[in-house]
Amino acid sequence: MPRALLSEEADKEEQEDRERLREVRDKLRALLDRRQLQYEEVRRLTDEQERLYDARQPGEREVERIHQEYRDLGHALADGRRYRDAARTKLDEAMSALREFRARSPRGEPLRPETIRRQIADLEHAQQTRTLTIAEENALIKQLRQLVKVADEADQHQRVHEERRKQLGALEAALTERRNELGQVNAELARLKVERDSRMQSIRGRLEGAGKLVADIREKARARGAALDRLRALSVQVDELGREADRLERNSRDRRAEARQAISEYHRSVRGPGGEKAGEQQVADRQLEELLKRGRVTLRG
């Protein structure tokens, strides 16, 4: 019973395809290993990106909190500056009122009533202890009357002077109060400015740290993008080699299926005795001869 084998040409093609299939499978296994490693690299970079992003969130919230404090301090500084301007205006008004009061005040010290009354007492004592002529007595009385009048005027001036002294003290006290108020406002403004500057320094420091995190995230993103490109390139190669392996296996199956089909048709053609069968034998021989001419199969005993 003859058996079907591939022709030399088909056998050579089969051997070449098998050798190529082994090479393709070896490359495919190597590429699959490389692709798995690249996939793991992508996952690692993705995890690092997420970790950096999660680490950035608390810092951003803290920067937002400090920035809100910075803005609040800025509003407080603006309010303080307005209050300082009002305090300066009040200080200027107090200084102006004091200058005007001093400008209206009489120069020099007023006569003291006590001094005039001592002079009156001295004259009265002289009047009582000395012997005076009528002219001297009249002159003394006239002088006493003038001194009494001057003493009365001095008392009035003394009362006015005391009142003005009280007013001057009140104006000076108001001026001192305005100066102290302005000093307190300036001190508070200085404190607020120091605090606001401190917040700004803190924001800058935290932004520098956040900027480094952002730079690291971008660097990881670039590395992840490059890793994805390599992964896609490896996937393309894997797909190409997979299609080539499928094509080689499909070609091998087609060659063997064709050979089996040829021998099956040959067996059917030579089945059974008799003249009719002999005619069928001739047809089968012609078909086999045609297959042999094509070089697809070889009959061996």
C-alpha atoms as a PDB file:
ATOM      1  CA  MET A   1       0.000   0.000   0.000  1.00  0.00           C
ATOM      2  CA  PRO A   2       1.719   3.268  -1.003  1.00  0.00           C
ATOM      3  CA  ARG A   3       1.920   6.055   1.578  1.00  0.00           C
ATOM      4  CA  ALA A   4       1.834   9.801   0.890  1.00  0.00           C
ATOM      5  CA  LEU A   5       4.915  11.851   1.630  1.00  0.00           C
ATOM      6  CA  LEU A   6       5.693  15.476   0.785  1.00  0.00           C
ATOM      7  CA  SER A   7       7.642  16.071  -2.365  1.00  0.00           C
ATOM      8  CA  GLU A   8      11.229  17.230  -2.077  1.00  0.00           C
ATOM      9  CA  GLU A   9      10.253  20.811  -2.864  1.00  0.00           C
ATOM     10  CA  ALA A  10       7.384  20.761  -0.365  1.00  0.00           C
ATOM     11  CA  ASP A  11       9.573  18.976   2.188  1.00  0.00           C
ATOM     12  CA  LYS A  12      12.227  21.668   1.778  1.00  0.00           C
ATOM     13  CA  GLU A  13       9.586  24.355   2.277  1.00  0.00           C
ATOM     14  CA  GLU A  14       8.340  22.470   5.323  1.00  0.00           C
ATOM     15  CA  GLN A  15      11.828  22.270   6.821  1.00  0.00           C
ATOM     16  CA  GLU A  16      12.478  25.959   6.148  1.00  0.00           C
ATOM     17  CA  ASP A  17       9.136  26.922   7.673  1.00  0.00           C
ATOM     18  CA  ARG A  18       9.775  24.753  10.712  1.00  0.00           C
ATOM     19  CA  GLU A  19      13.185  26.315  11.211  1.00  0.00           C
ATOM     20  CA  ARG A  20      11.675  29.758  10.789  1.00  0.00           C
ATOM     21  CA  LEU A  21       8.843  28.809  13.163  1.00  0.00           C
ATOM     22  CA  ARG A  22      11.356  27.784  15.836  1.00  0.00           C
ATOM     23  CA  GLU A  23      13.172  31.092  15.387  1.00  0.00           C
ATOM     24  CA  VAL A  24       9.903  32.991  15.552  1.00  0.00           C
ATOM     25  CA  ARG A  25       8.805  31.161  18.686  1.00  0.00           C
ATOM     26  CA  ASP A  26      12.166  31.774  20.378  1.00  0.00           C
ATOM     27  CA  LYS A  27      11.960  35.480  19.505  1.00  0.00           C
ATOM     28  CA  LEU A  28       8.341  35.534  20.590  1.00  0.00           C
ATOM     29  CA  ARG A  29       9.175  34.050  24.009  1.00  0.00           C
ATOM     30  CA  ALA A  30      12.005  36.563  24.441  1.00  0.00           C
ATOM     31  CA  LEU A  31       9.740  39.426  23.404  1.00  0.00           C
ATOM     32  CA  LEU A  32       6.988  38.256  25.736  1.00  0.00           C
ATOM     33  CA  ASP A  33       9.478  38.213  28.615  1.00  0.00           C
ATOM     34  CA  ARG A  34      10.684  41.691  27.666  1.00  0.00           C
ATOM     35  CA  ARG A  35       7.107  42.910  27.325  1.00  0.00           C
ATOM     36  CA  GLN A  36       6.233  41.544  30.776  1.00  0.00           C
ATOM     37  CA  LEU A  37       9.232  43.347  32.257  1.00  0.00           C
ATOM     38  CA  GLN A  38       8.225  46.515  30.426  1.00  0.00           C
ATOM     39  CA  TYR A  39       4.664  46.171  31.682  1.00  0.00           C
ATOM     40  CA  GLU A  40       5.986  45.833  35.230  1.00  0.00           C
ATOM     41  CA  GLU A  41       8.110  48.942  34.643  1.00  0.00           C
ATOM     42  CA  VAL A  42       5.013  50.850  33.524  1.00  0.00           C
ATOM     43  CA  ARG A  43       3.129  49.703  36.621  1.00  0.00           C
ATOM     44  CA  ARG A  44       6.053  50.709  38.860  1.00  0.00           C
ATOM     45  CA  LEU A  45       6.244  54.186  37.303  1.00  0.00           C
ATOM     46  CA  THR A  46       2.460  54.529  37.569  1.00  0.00           C
ATOM     47  CA  ASP A  47       2.567  53.618  41.265  1.00  0.00           C
ATOM     48  CA  GLU A  48       5.379  56.112  41.864  1.00  0.00           C
ATOM     49  CA  GLN A  49       3.397  58.785  40.029  1.00  0.00           C
ATOM     50  CA  GLU A  50       0.350  58.116  42.201  1.00  0.00           C
ATOM     51  CA  ARG A  51       2.485  58.123  45.352  1.00  0.00           C
ATOM     52  CA  LEU A  52       4.005  61.497  44.424  1.00  0.00           C
ATOM     53  CA  TYR A  53       0.577  62.870  43.571  1.00  0.00           C
ATOM     54  CA  ASP A  54      -0.816  61.702  46.924  1.00  0.00           C
ATOM     55  CA  ALA A  55       2.182  63.258  48.688  1.00  0.00           C
ATOM     56  CA  ARG A  56       1.497  66.554  46.915  1.00  0.00           C
ATOM     57  CA  GLN A  57      -2.109  66.860  48.111  1.00  0.00           C
ATOM     58  CA  PRO A  58      -1.439  67.598  51.842  1.00  0.00           C
ATOM     59  CA  GLY A  59       1.208  70.147  50.873  1.00  0.00           C
ATOM     60  CA  GLU A  60      -1.199  71.897  48.526  1.00  0.00           C
ATOM     61  CA  ARG A  61      -3.883  72.046  51.211  1.00  0.00           C
ATOM     62  CA  GLU A  62      -1.350  73.454  53.682  1.00  0.00           C
ATOM     63  CA  VAL A  63      -0.252  76.082  51.139  1.00  0.00           C
ATOM     64  CA  GLU A  64      -3.895  77.050  50.601  1.00  0.00           C
ATOM     65  CA  ARG A  65      -4.389  77.383  54.379  1.00  0.00           C
ATOM     66  CA  ILE A  66      -1.272  79.534  54.821  1.00  0.00           C
ATOM     67  CA  HIS A  67      -2.208  81.611  51.782  1.00  0.00           C
ATOM     68  CA  GLN A  68      -5.619  82.283  53.323  1.00  0.00           C
ATOM     69  CA  GLU A  69      -3.869  83.419  56.495  1.00  0.00           C
ATOM     70  CA  TYR A  70      -1.622  85.625  54.345  1.00  0.00           C
ATOM     71  CA  ARG A  71      -4.672  87.200  52.722  1.00  0.00           C
ATOM     72  CA  ASP A  72      -6.355  87.721  56.107  1.00  0.00           C
ATOM     73  CA  LEU A  73      -3.206  89.430  57.393  1.00  0.00           C
ATOM     74  CA  GLY A  74      -3.207  91.591  54.274  1.00  0.00           C
ATOM     75  CA  HIS A  75      -6.771  92.687  55.019  1.00  0.00           C
ATOM     76  CA  ALA A  76      -5.799  93.380  58.637  1.00  0.00           C
ATOM     77  CA  LEU A  77      -2.846  95.467  57.406  1.00  0.00           C
ATOM     78  CA  ALA A  78      -5.121  97.446  55.118  1.00  0.00           C
ATOM     79  CA  ASP A  79      -7.509  98.115  58.015  1.00  0.00           C
ATOM     80  CA  GLY A  80      -4.569  99.042  60.234  1.00  0.00           C
ATOM     81  CA  ARG A  81      -3.237 101.505  57.662  1.00  0.00           C
ATOM     82  CA  ARG A  82      -6.625 103.188  57.493  1.00  0.00           C
ATOM     83  CA  TYR A  83      -6.717 103.346  61.301  1.00  0.00           C
ATOM     84  CA  ARG A  84      -3.158 104.717  61.297  1.00  0.00           C
ATOM     85  CA  ASP A  85      -4.134 107.436  58.842  1.00  0.00           C
ATOM     86  CA  ALA A  86      -7.058 108.370  61.089  1.00  0.00           C
ATOM     87  CA  ALA A  87      -4.742 108.372  64.137  1.00  0.00           C
ATOM     88  CA  ARG A  88      -2.293 110.630  62.298  1.00  0.00           C
ATOM     89  CA  THR A  89      -5.112 112.992  61.458  1.00  0.00           C
ATOM     90  CA  LYS A  90      -6.158 113.099  65.116  1.00  0.00           C
ATOM     91  CA  LEU A  91      -2.530 113.681  66.163  1.00  0.00           C
ATOM     92  CA  ASP A  92      -2.190 116.530  63.676  1.00  0.00           C
ATOM     93  CA  GLU A  93      -5.415 118.053  64.978  1.00  0.00           C
ATOM     94  CA  ALA A  94      -4.214 117.755  68.588  1.00  0.00           C
ATOM     95  CA  MET A  95      -0.861 119.349  67.727  1.00  0.00           C
ATOM     96  CA  SER A  96      -2.595 122.136  65.820  1.00  0.00           C
ATOM     97  CA  ALA A  97      -4.984 122.816  68.724  1.00  0.00           C
ATOM     98  CA  LEU A  98      -2.056 122.970  71.166  1.00  0.00           C
ATOM     99  CA  ARG A  99      -0.107 125.381  68.949  1.00  0.00           C
ATOM    100  CA  GLU A 100      -3.116 127.638  68.519  1.00  0.00           C
ATOM    101  CA  PHE A 101      -3.790 127.647  72.272  1.00  0.00           C
ATOM    102  CA  ARG A 102      -0.201 128.528  73.052  1.00  0.00           C
ATOM    103  CA  ALA A 103      -0.250 131.254  70.404  1.00  0.00           C
ATOM    104  CA  ARG A 104      -3.317 132.833  72.071  1.00  0.00           C
ATOM    105  CA  SER A 105      -1.858 132.609  75.581  1.00  0.00           C
ATOM    106  CA  PRO A 106      -0.340 135.840  77.064  1.00  0.00           C
ATOM    107  CA  ARG A 107       3.410 136.059  77.322  1.00  0.00           C
ATOM    108  CA  GLY A 108       5.135 136.101  80.685  1.00  0.00           C
ATOM    109  CA  GLU A 109       3.977 135.214  84.162  1.00  0.00           C
ATOM    110  CA  PRO A 110       0.951 137.091  85.595  1.00  0.00           C
ATOM    111  CA  LEU A 111       1.184 139.023  88.865  1.00  0.00           C
ATOM    112  CA  ARG A 112       0.719 136.841  91.875  1.00  0.00           C
ATOM    113  CA  PRO A 113      -2.084 138.001  94.240  1.00  0.00           C
ATOM    114  CA  GLU A 114      -0.031 136.828  97.218  1.00  0.00           C
ATOM    115  CA  THR A 115       2.774 139.246  96.362  1.00  0.00           C
ATOM    116  CA  ILE A 116       0.369 142.183  96.037  1.00  0.00           C
ATOM    117  CA  ARG A 117      -1.347 141.261  99.284  1.00  0.00           C
ATOM    118  CA  ARG A 118       2.014 141.190 101.058  1.00  0.00           C
ATOM    119  CA  GLN A 119       2.651 144.699  99.736  1.00  0.00           C
ATOM    120  CA  ILE A 120      -0.780 145.801 101.027  1.00  0.00           C
ATOM    121  CA  ALA A 121      -0.051 144.250 104.411  1.00  0.00           C
ATOM    122  CA  ASP A 122       3.289 146.039 104.560  1.00  0.00           C
ATOM    123  CA  LEU A 123       1.642 149.385 103.778  1.00  0.00           C
ATOM    124  CA  GLU A 124      -1.085 148.816 106.354  1.00  0.00           C
ATOM    125  CA  HIS A 125       1.530 147.917 108.909  1.00  0.00           C
ATOM    126  CA  ALA A 126       3.461 151.116 108.118  1.00  0.00           C
ATOM    127  CA  GLN A 127       0.266 153.116 108.377  1.00  0.00           C
ATOM    128  CA  GLN A 128      -0.374 151.694 111.791  1.00  0.00           C
ATOM    129  CA  THR A 129       3.151 151.907 113.183  1.00  0.00           C
ATOM    130  CA  ARG A 130       4.459 155.135 111.665  1.00  0.00           C
ATOM    131  CA  THR A 131       3.472 158.726 112.258  1.00  0.00           C
ATOM    132  CA  LEU A 132       2.470 160.173 108.889  1.00  0.00           C
ATOM    133  CA  THR A 133       1.474 163.563 107.738  1.00  0.00           C
ATOM    134  CA  ILE A 134      -1.886 164.085 106.155  1.00  0.00           C
ATOM    135  CA  ALA A 135      -0.315 164.180 102.703  1.00  0.00           C
ATOM    136  CA  GLU A 136       1.618 160.996 103.386  1.00  0.00           C
ATOM    137  CA  GLU A 137      -1.498 159.380 104.823  1.00  0.00           C
ATOM    138  CA  ASN A 138      -3.530 160.300 101.769  1.00  0.00           C
ATOM    139  CA  ALA A 139      -0.790 159.014  99.433  1.00  0.00           C
ATOM    140  CA  LEU A 140      -0.633 155.776 101.380  1.00  0.00           C
ATOM    141  CA  ILE A 141      -4.386 155.315 101.250  1.00  0.00           C
ATOM    142  CA  LYS A 142      -4.371 155.985  97.512  1.00  0.00           C
ATOM    143  CA  GLN A 143      -1.612 153.440  97.024  1.00  0.00           C
ATOM    144  CA  LEU A 144      -3.502 150.923  99.120  1.00  0.00           C
ATOM    145  CA  ARG A 145      -6.635 151.412  97.009  1.00  0.00           C
ATOM    146  CA  GLN A 146      -4.619 150.899  93.820  1.00  0.00           C
ATOM    147  CA  LEU A 147      -3.000 147.770  95.215  1.00  0.00           C
ATOM    148  CA  VAL A 148      -6.379 146.380  96.284  1.00  0.00           C
ATOM    149  CA  LYS A 149      -7.660 146.949  92.748  1.00  0.00           C
ATOM    150  CA  VAL A 150      -4.565 145.332  91.301  1.00  0.00           C
ATOM    151  CA  ALA A 151      -4.977 142.418  93.714  1.00  0.00           C
ATOM    152  CA  ASP A 152      -8.541 141.927  92.584  1.00  0.00           C
ATOM    153  CA  GLU A 153      -7.388 141.968  88.939  1.00  0.00           C
ATOM    154  CA  ALA A 154      -4.573 139.592  89.849  1.00  0.00           C
ATOM    155  CA  ASP A 155      -7.077 137.212  91.442  1.00  0.00           C
ATOM    156  CA  GLN A 156      -9.151 137.276  88.265  1.00  0.00           C
ATOM    157  CA  HIS A 157      -6.063 136.790  86.113  1.00  0.00           C
ATOM    158  CA  GLN A 158      -4.961 133.975  88.403  1.00  0.00           C
ATOM    159  CA  ARG A 159      -8.287 132.212  87.944  1.00  0.00           C
ATOM    160  CA  VAL A 160      -8.038 132.676  84.155  1.00  0.00           C
ATOM    161  CA  HIS A 161      -4.434 131.475  84.238  1.00  0.00           C
ATOM    162  CA  GLU A 162      -5.393 128.387  86.218  1.00  0.00           C
ATOM    163  CA  GLU A 163      -8.172 127.646  83.768  1.00  0.00           C
ATOM    164  CA  ARG A 164      -5.821 128.072  80.823  1.00  0.00           C
ATOM    165  CA  ARG A 165      -3.255 125.907  82.570  1.00  0.00           C
ATOM    166  CA  LYS A 166      -5.873 123.186  82.946  1.00  0.00           C
ATOM    167  CA  GLN A 167      -6.819 123.564  79.279  1.00  0.00           C
ATOM    168  CA  LEU A 168      -3.139 123.399  78.301  1.00  0.00           C
ATOM    169  CA  GLY A 169      -2.714 120.246  80.403  1.00  0.00           C
ATOM    170  CA  ALA A 170      -5.769 118.680  78.748  1.00  0.00           C
ATOM    171  CA  LEU A 171      -4.423 119.541  75.277  1.00  0.00           C
ATOM    172  CA  GLU A 172      -1.000 118.156  76.114  1.00  0.00           C
ATOM    173  CA  ALA A 173      -2.582 115.003  77.560  1.00  0.00           C
ATOM    174  CA  ALA A 174      -4.677 114.613  74.396  1.00  0.00           C
ATOM    175  CA  LEU A 175      -1.546 115.057  72.281  1.00  0.00           C
ATOM    176  CA  THR A 176       0.291 112.431  74.331  1.00  0.00           C
ATOM    177  CA  GLU A 177      -2.674 110.072  74.001  1.00  0.00           C
ATOM    178  CA  ARG A 178      -2.778 110.563  70.234  1.00  0.00           C
ATOM    179  CA  ARG A 179       0.959 109.912  70.011  1.00  0.00           C
ATOM    180  CA  ASN A 180       0.651 106.767  72.087  1.00  0.00           C
ATOM    181  CA  GLU A 181      -2.292 105.617  69.984  1.00  0.00           C
ATOM    182  CA  LEU A 182      -0.334 106.161  66.781  1.00  0.00           C
ATOM    183  CA  GLY A 183       2.658 104.360  68.282  1.00  0.00           C
ATOM    184  CA  GLN A 184       0.478 101.367  69.180  1.00  0.00           C
ATOM    185  CA  VAL A 185      -1.016 101.316  65.685  1.00  0.00           C
ATOM    186  CA  ASN A 186       2.460 101.429  64.117  1.00  0.00           C
ATOM    187  CA  ALA A 187       3.647  98.643  66.424  1.00  0.00           C
ATOM    188  CA  GLU A 188       0.630  96.511  65.476  1.00  0.00           C
ATOM    189  CA  LEU A 189       1.223  97.192  61.795  1.00  0.00           C
ATOM    190  CA  ALA A 190       4.860  96.176  62.175  1.00  0.00           C
ATOM    191  CA  ARG A 191       3.791  92.946  63.908  1.00  0.00           C
ATOM    192  CA  LEU A 192       1.232  92.154  61.212  1.00  0.00           C
ATOM    193  CA  LYS A 193       3.787  92.842  58.486  1.00  0.00           C
ATOM    194  CA  VAL A 194       6.290  90.491  60.143  1.00  0.00           C
ATOM    195  CA  GLU A 195       3.631  87.785  60.388  1.00  0.00           C
ATOM    196  CA  ARG A 196       2.558  88.277  56.785  1.00  0.00           C
ATOM    197  CA  ASP A 197       6.167  88.165  55.574  1.00  0.00           C
ATOM    198  CA  SER A 198       6.637  84.996  57.611  1.00  0.00           C
ATOM    199  CA  ARG A 199       3.603  83.454  55.903  1.00  0.00           C
ATOM    200  CA  MET A 200       4.999  84.417  52.505  1.00  0.00           C
ATOM    201  CA  GLN A 201       8.349  82.804  53.323  1.00  0.00           C
ATOM    202  CA  SER A 202       6.510  79.683  54.454  1.00  0.00           C
ATOM    203  CA  ILE A 203       4.469  79.661  51.247  1.00  0.00           C
ATOM    204  CA  ARG A 204       7.617  80.039  49.143  1.00  0.00           C
ATOM    205  CA  GLY A 205       9.325  77.210  50.968  1.00  0.00           C
ATOM    206  CA  ARG A 206       6.346  74.909  50.595  1.00  0.00           C
ATOM    207  CA  LEU A 207       5.900  75.900  46.951  1.00  0.00           C
ATOM    208  CA  GLU A 208       9.521  75.023  46.307  1.00  0.00           C
ATOM    209  CA  GLY A 209       8.870  71.594  47.803  1.00  0.00           C
ATOM    210  CA  ALA A 210       5.632  71.276  45.803  1.00  0.00           C
ATOM    211  CA  GLY A 211       7.488  72.380  42.678  1.00  0.00           C
ATOM    212  CA  LYS A 212      10.052  69.634  43.223  1.00  0.00           C
ATOM    213  CA  LEU A 213       7.209  67.127  43.608  1.00  0.00           C
ATOM    214  CA  VAL A 214       5.606  68.417  40.398  1.00  0.00           C
ATOM    215  CA  ALA A 215       8.942  68.148  38.612  1.00  0.00           C
ATOM    216  CA  ASP A 216       9.312  64.565  39.887  1.00  0.00           C
ATOM    217  CA  ILE A 217       5.758  63.778  38.755  1.00  0.00           C
ATOM    218  CA  ARG A 218       6.482  65.180  35.301  1.00  0.00           C
ATOM    219  CA  GLU A 219       9.734  63.239  35.136  1.00  0.00           C
ATOM    220  CA  LYS A 220       7.886  60.055  36.097  1.00  0.00           C
ATOM    221  CA  ALA A 221       5.227  60.883  33.488  1.00  0.00           C
ATOM    222  CA  ARG A 222       7.898  61.260  30.798  1.00  0.00           C
ATOM    223  CA  ALA A 223       9.547  58.006  31.886  1.00  0.00           C
ATOM    224  CA  ARG A 224       6.151  56.278  31.951  1.00  0.00           C
ATOM    225  CA  GLY A 225       5.343  57.631  28.489  1.00  0.00           C
ATOM    226  CA  ALA A 226       8.664  56.317  27.149  1.00  0.00           C
ATOM    227  CA  ALA A 227       7.996  52.954  28.850  1.00  0.00           C
ATOM    228  CA  LEU A 228       4.522  52.830  27.279  1.00  0.00           C
ATOM    229  CA  ASP A 229       6.042  53.560  23.870  1.00  0.00           C
ATOM    230  CA  ARG A 230       8.481  50.704  24.353  1.00  0.00           C
ATOM    231  CA  LEU A 231       5.647  48.475  25.545  1.00  0.00           C
ATOM    232  CA  ARG A 232       3.562  49.336  22.485  1.00  0.00           C
ATOM    233  CA  ALA A 233       6.549  48.711  20.215  1.00  0.00           C
ATOM    234  CA  LEU A 234       7.131  45.320  21.830  1.00  0.00           C
ATOM    235  CA  SER A 235       3.421  44.524  21.498  1.00  0.00           C
ATOM    236  CA  VAL A 236       3.589  45.369  17.801  1.00  0.00           C
ATOM    237  CA  GLN A 237       6.565  43.038  17.383  1.00  0.00           C
ATOM    238  CA  VAL A 238       4.788  40.320  19.375  1.00  0.00           C
ATOM    239  CA  ASP A 239       1.698  40.694  17.182  1.00  0.00           C
ATOM    240  CA  GLU A 240       3.783  40.574  13.988  1.00  0.00           C
ATOM    241  CA  LEU A 241       5.673  37.489  15.120  1.00  0.00           C
ATOM    242  CA  GLY A 242       2.430  35.887  16.308  1.00  0.00           C
ATOM    243  CA  ARG A 243       0.850  36.460  12.897  1.00  0.00           C
ATOM    244  CA  GLU A 244       3.961  35.052  11.212  1.00  0.00           C
ATOM    245  CA  ALA A 245       3.893  31.960  13.459  1.00  0.00           C
ATOM    246  CA  ASP A 246       0.205  31.478  12.704  1.00  0.00           C
ATOM    247  CA  ARG A 247       0.917  31.814   8.982  1.00  0.00           C
ATOM    248  CA  LEU A 248       3.756  29.242   9.115  1.00  0.00           C
ATOM    249  CA  GLU A 249       1.623  26.783  11.095  1.00  0.00           C
ATOM    250  CA  ARG A 250      -1.287  27.362   8.740  1.00  0.00           C
ATOM    251  CA  ASN A 251       0.942  26.731   5.688  1.00  0.00           C
ATOM    252  CA  SER A 252       2.210  23.483   7.241  1.00  0.00           C
ATOM    253  CA  ARG A 253      -1.312  22.322   7.986  1.00  0.00           C
ATOM    254  CA  ASP A 254      -2.431  23.228   4.448  1.00  0.00           C
ATOM    255  CA  ARG A 255       0.446  21.274   2.859  1.00  0.00           C
ATOM    256  CA  ARG A 256      -0.256  18.172   4.921  1.00  0.00           C
ATOM    257  CA  ALA A 257      -4.009  18.467   4.404  1.00  0.00           C
ATOM    258  CA  GLU A 258      -3.450  18.711   0.640  1.00  0.00           C
ATOM    259  CA  ALA A 259      -1.227  15.612   0.704  1.00  0.00           C
ATOM    260  CA  ARG A 260      -3.773  13.664   2.738  1.00  0.00           C
ATOM    261  CA  GLN A 261      -6.541  14.760   0.382  1.00  0.00           C
ATOM    262  CA  ALA A 262      -4.510  13.635  -2.640  1.00  0.00           C
ATOM    263  CA  ILE A 263      -3.825  10.189  -1.284  1.00  0.00           C
ATOM    264  CA  SER A 264      -7.415   9.824  -0.149  1.00  0.00           C
ATOM    265  CA  GLU A 265      -8.634  10.591  -3.647  1.00  0.00           C
ATOM    266  CA  TYR A 266      -6.126   8.104  -5.010  1.00  0.00           C
ATOM    267  CA  HIS A 267      -7.377   5.346  -2.723  1.00  0.00           C
ATOM    268  CA  ARG A 268     -10.976   5.950  -3.747  1.00  0.00           C
ATOM    269  CA  SER A 269     -10.023   5.845  -7.426  1.00  0.00           C
ATOM    270  CA  VAL A 270      -8.294   2.448  -7.258  1.00  0.00           C
ATOM    271  CA  ARG A 271     -10.917   0.659  -5.149  1.00  0.00           C
ATOM    272  CA  GLY A 272     -12.680  -2.603  -6.479  1.00  0.00           C
ATOM    273  CA  PRO A 273     -12.168  -5.191  -9.445  1.00  0.00           C
ATOM    274  CA  GLY A 274     -13.824  -5.290 -12.874  1.00  0.00           C
ATOM    275  CA  GLY A 275     -13.782  -3.385 -16.105  1.00  0.00           C
ATOM    276  CA  GLU A 276     -15.572  -0.429 -14.653  1.00  0.00           C
ATOM    277  CA  LYS A 277     -13.109  -0.476 -11.882  1.00  0.00           C
ATOM    278  CA  ALA A 278     -10.278  -0.625 -14.378  1.00  0.00           C
ATOM    279  CA  GLY A 279     -11.602   2.534 -15.968  1.00  0.00           C
ATOM    280  CA  GLU A 280     -11.660   4.119 -12.567  1.00  0.00           C
ATOM    281  CA  GLN A 281      -8.103   2.906 -12.103  1.00  0.00           C
ATOM    282  CA  GLN A 282      -7.056   4.689 -15.236  1.00  0.00           C
ATOM    283  CA  VAL A 283      -8.700   7.908 -14.013  1.00  0.00           C
ATOM    284  CA  ALA A 284      -6.959   7.581 -10.667  1.00  0.00           C
ATOM    285  CA  ASP A 285      -3.626   6.959 -12.359  1.00  0.00           C
ATOM    286  CA  ARG A 286      -4.081  10.073 -14.461  1.00  0.00           C
ATOM    287  CA  GLN A 287      -4.950  12.120 -11.363  1.00  0.00           C
ATOM    288  CA  LEU A 288      -1.950  10.768  -9.475  1.00  0.00           C
ATOM    289  CA  GLU A 289       0.290  11.469 -12.438  1.00  0.00           C
ATOM    290  CA  GLU A 290      -1.030  15.053 -12.487  1.00  0.00           C
ATOM    291  CA  LEU A 291      -0.266  15.450  -8.749  1.00  0.00           C
ATOM    292  CA  LEU A 292       3.204  14.054  -9.274  1.00  0.00           C
ATOM    293  CA  LYS A 293       3.775  16.567 -12.053  1.00  0.00           C
ATOM    294  CA  ARG A 294       2.772  19.335  -9.654  1.00  0.00           C
ATOM    295  CA  GLY A 295       5.369  18.022  -7.200  1.00  0.00           C
ATOM    296  CA  ARG A 296       3.000  18.059  -4.230  1.00  0.00           C
ATOM    297  CA  VAL A 297       3.255  14.340  -3.249  1.00  0.00           C
ATOM    298  CA  THR A 298       5.581  11.348  -3.692  1.00  0.00           C
ATOM    299  CA  LEU A 299       4.544   7.666  -3.614  1.00  0.00           C
ATOM    300  CA  ARG A 300       6.843   5.298  -1.760  1.00  0.00           C
ATOM    301  CA  GLY A 301       6.308   1.477  -1.299  1.00  0.00           C
END
